Each structure stands twice: as structure tokens, then as C-alpha cells.
Amino acid sequence: IIVVTQNYHMYRALYIAKAMGMEAWGVSSDPRSYGGQLGRDLREFLARPKDLIYTAIKPKPRYLGEAIPVNGDGNATNDKD
């Protein structure tokens, strides 16, 4: 899969995908600077150990619904209205 996210998320996003058994490649999105980055960096610092634990114990998701495959053209995620 190709993961597109902000650069500061990329390490964790790729780690999670690979821990789930996916072959993943990352592309950083919008390179602009935004205000409040320090807060997001702190959140990311705390989220990494949490996701390390989650990928080890694999808890069941809280919100279950119909699985959407990551292959195909993506129309399954389009709004139905």
C-alpha cells in the first residue's frame, strides 16, 4: 500500500502497516508549516509507544463495520448520496 500523511506521522504509519503484514511505502503530503506543530509533535511522541503496544497485543477494534479492502479503485469509500 501507499501511505500518504504528514511527514511527522510517517514513521508511525509505516510501522503500523508493516506490523499488520502489509508491504507499505510512504509519501509525505503537504510540506507547508502549520502553527501548533509542537503540540502535534508531543502527541506523536506519546502515540508511538501506544502503537507499539497495540501492534503487539492486537486489541479488537471499538467500531466494527463492513471491512473495506485496501486494493481496488476506492469507490467503496465514496459517499452514497
C-alpha atoms as a PDB file:
ATOM      1  CA  ILE A   1       0.000   0.000   0.000  1.00  0.00           C
ATOM      2  CA  ILE A   2       0.985   3.628  -0.301  1.00  0.00           C
ATOM      3  CA  VAL A   3       0.541   5.704   2.854  1.00  0.00           C
ATOM      4  CA  VAL A   4       0.139   9.452   2.365  1.00  0.00           C
ATOM      5  CA  THR A   5       0.364  11.542   5.526  1.00  0.00           C
ATOM      6  CA  GLN A   6       2.266  14.436   7.073  1.00  0.00           C
ATOM      7  CA  ASN A   7       5.972  13.753   7.440  1.00  0.00           C
ATOM      8  CA  TYR A   8       5.874  13.667  11.247  1.00  0.00           C
ATOM      9  CA  HIS A   9       3.275  10.832  11.091  1.00  0.00           C
ATOM     10  CA  MET A  10       5.126   8.766   8.508  1.00  0.00           C
ATOM     11  CA  TYR A  11       7.365   6.682  10.780  1.00  0.00           C
ATOM     12  CA  ARG A  12       4.408   5.513  12.881  1.00  0.00           C
ATOM     13  CA  ALA A  13       2.083   4.978   9.914  1.00  0.00           C
ATOM     14  CA  LEU A  14       4.603   2.756   8.138  1.00  0.00           C
ATOM     15  CA  TYR A  15       5.392   0.870  11.337  1.00  0.00           C
ATOM     16  CA  ILE A  16       1.698   0.088  11.895  1.00  0.00           C
ATOM     17  CA  ALA A  17       1.162  -1.011   8.286  1.00  0.00           C
ATOM     18  CA  LYS A  18       4.180  -3.311   8.371  1.00  0.00           C
ATOM     19  CA  ALA A  19       3.144  -4.703  11.779  1.00  0.00           C
ATOM     20  CA  MET A  20      -0.199  -5.592  10.173  1.00  0.00           C
ATOM     21  CA  GLY A  21       1.622  -7.556   7.475  1.00  0.00           C
ATOM     22  CA  MET A  22       1.326  -5.005   4.680  1.00  0.00           C
ATOM     23  CA  GLU A  23       4.049  -4.014   2.264  1.00  0.00           C
ATOM     24  CA  ALA A  24       3.904  -0.254   2.715  1.00  0.00           C
ATOM     25  CA  TRP A  25       5.538   2.750   1.089  1.00  0.00           C
ATOM     26  CA  GLY A  26       5.194   6.305   2.356  1.00  0.00           C
ATOM     27  CA  VAL A  27       4.721   9.630   0.625  1.00  0.00           C
ATOM     28  CA  SER A  28       4.737  12.808   2.699  1.00  0.00           C
ATOM     29  CA  SER A  29       1.907  15.204   1.986  1.00  0.00           C
ATOM     30  CA  ASP A  30       1.769  18.979   2.094  1.00  0.00           C
ATOM     31  CA  PRO A  31       5.227  20.244   3.152  1.00  0.00           C
ATOM     32  CA  ARG A  32       3.940  23.595   4.481  1.00  0.00           C
ATOM     33  CA  SER A  33       4.478  24.608   8.087  1.00  0.00           C
ATOM     34  CA  TYR A  34       1.426  24.993  10.310  1.00  0.00           C
ATOM     35  CA  GLY A  35       1.050  26.642  13.689  1.00  0.00           C
ATOM     36  CA  GLY A  36       0.889  24.406  16.745  1.00  0.00           C
ATOM     37  CA  GLN A  37       3.404  21.856  15.495  1.00  0.00           C
ATOM     38  CA  LEU A  38       4.943  21.482  18.949  1.00  0.00           C
ATOM     39  CA  GLY A  39       1.644  20.090  20.273  1.00  0.00           C
ATOM     40  CA  ARG A  40       1.389  17.645  17.374  1.00  0.00           C
ATOM     41  CA  ASP A  41       4.981  16.557  17.912  1.00  0.00           C
ATOM     42  CA  LEU A  42       4.231  15.896  21.584  1.00  0.00           C
ATOM     43  CA  ARG A  43       1.145  13.865  20.641  1.00  0.00           C
ATOM     44  CA  GLU A  44       3.220  11.861  18.161  1.00  0.00           C
ATOM     45  CA  PHE A  45       5.873  11.240  20.829  1.00  0.00           C
ATOM     46  CA  LEU A  46       3.185   9.752  23.086  1.00  0.00           C
ATOM     47  CA  ALA A  47       1.406   7.869  20.283  1.00  0.00           C
ATOM     48  CA  ARG A  48       4.452   5.850  19.223  1.00  0.00           C
ATOM     49  CA  PRO A  49       4.731   3.748  22.414  1.00  0.00           C
ATOM     50  CA  LYS A  50       0.939   3.302  22.430  1.00  0.00           C
ATOM     51  CA  ASP A  51       1.003   1.918  18.901  1.00  0.00           C
ATOM     52  CA  LEU A  52       3.980  -0.304  19.692  1.00  0.00           C
ATOM     53  CA  ILE A  53       1.869  -1.888  22.448  1.00  0.00           C
ATOM     54  CA  TYR A  54      -1.255  -2.070  20.256  1.00  0.00           C
ATOM     55  CA  THR A  55       0.599  -3.834  17.449  1.00  0.00           C
ATOM     56  CA  ALA A  56       1.913  -6.366  19.973  1.00  0.00           C
ATOM     57  CA  ILE A  57      -1.382  -7.165  21.754  1.00  0.00           C
ATOM     58  CA  LYS A  58      -3.738  -6.503  18.793  1.00  0.00           C
ATOM     59  CA  PRO A  59      -6.885  -5.412  20.666  1.00  0.00           C
ATOM     60  CA  LYS A  60     -10.226  -5.735  18.879  1.00  0.00           C
ATOM     61  CA  PRO A  61     -11.415  -2.516  17.204  1.00  0.00           C
ATOM     62  CA  ARG A  62     -14.055  -0.492  19.029  1.00  0.00           C
ATOM     63  CA  TYR A  63     -16.061   0.342  15.919  1.00  0.00           C
ATOM     64  CA  LEU A  64     -16.757  -2.596  13.702  1.00  0.00           C
ATOM     65  CA  GLY A  65     -18.305  -2.304  10.317  1.00  0.00           C
ATOM     66  CA  GLU A  66     -18.012  -3.845   6.934  1.00  0.00           C
ATOM     67  CA  ALA A  67     -14.351  -4.294   6.005  1.00  0.00           C
ATOM     68  CA  ILE A  68     -13.144  -2.131   3.134  1.00  0.00           C
ATOM     69  CA  PRO A  69     -10.282  -3.752   1.203  1.00  0.00           C
ATOM     70  CA  VAL A  70      -7.183  -1.669   0.506  1.00  0.00           C
ATOM     71  CA  ASN A  71      -6.992  -2.885  -3.079  1.00  0.00           C
ATOM     72  CA  GLY A  72      -9.253  -1.807  -5.910  1.00  0.00           C
ATOM     73  CA  ASP A  73     -10.343   1.606  -7.140  1.00  0.00           C
ATOM     74  CA  GLY A  74     -11.505   3.120  -3.825  1.00  0.00           C
ATOM     75  CA  ASN A  75     -15.170   3.561  -4.784  1.00  0.00           C
ATOM     76  CA  ALA A  76     -16.225   1.712  -1.616  1.00  0.00           C
ATOM     77  CA  THR A  77     -15.269   4.809   0.384  1.00  0.00           C
ATOM     78  CA  ASN A  78     -17.262   7.280  -1.717  1.00  0.00           C
ATOM     79  CA  ASP A  79     -20.337   8.875  -0.156  1.00  0.00           C
ATOM     80  CA  LYS A  80     -23.547   7.208  -1.287  1.00  0.00           C
ATOM     81  CA  ASP A  81     -25.753  10.318  -1.613  1.00  0.00           C
END
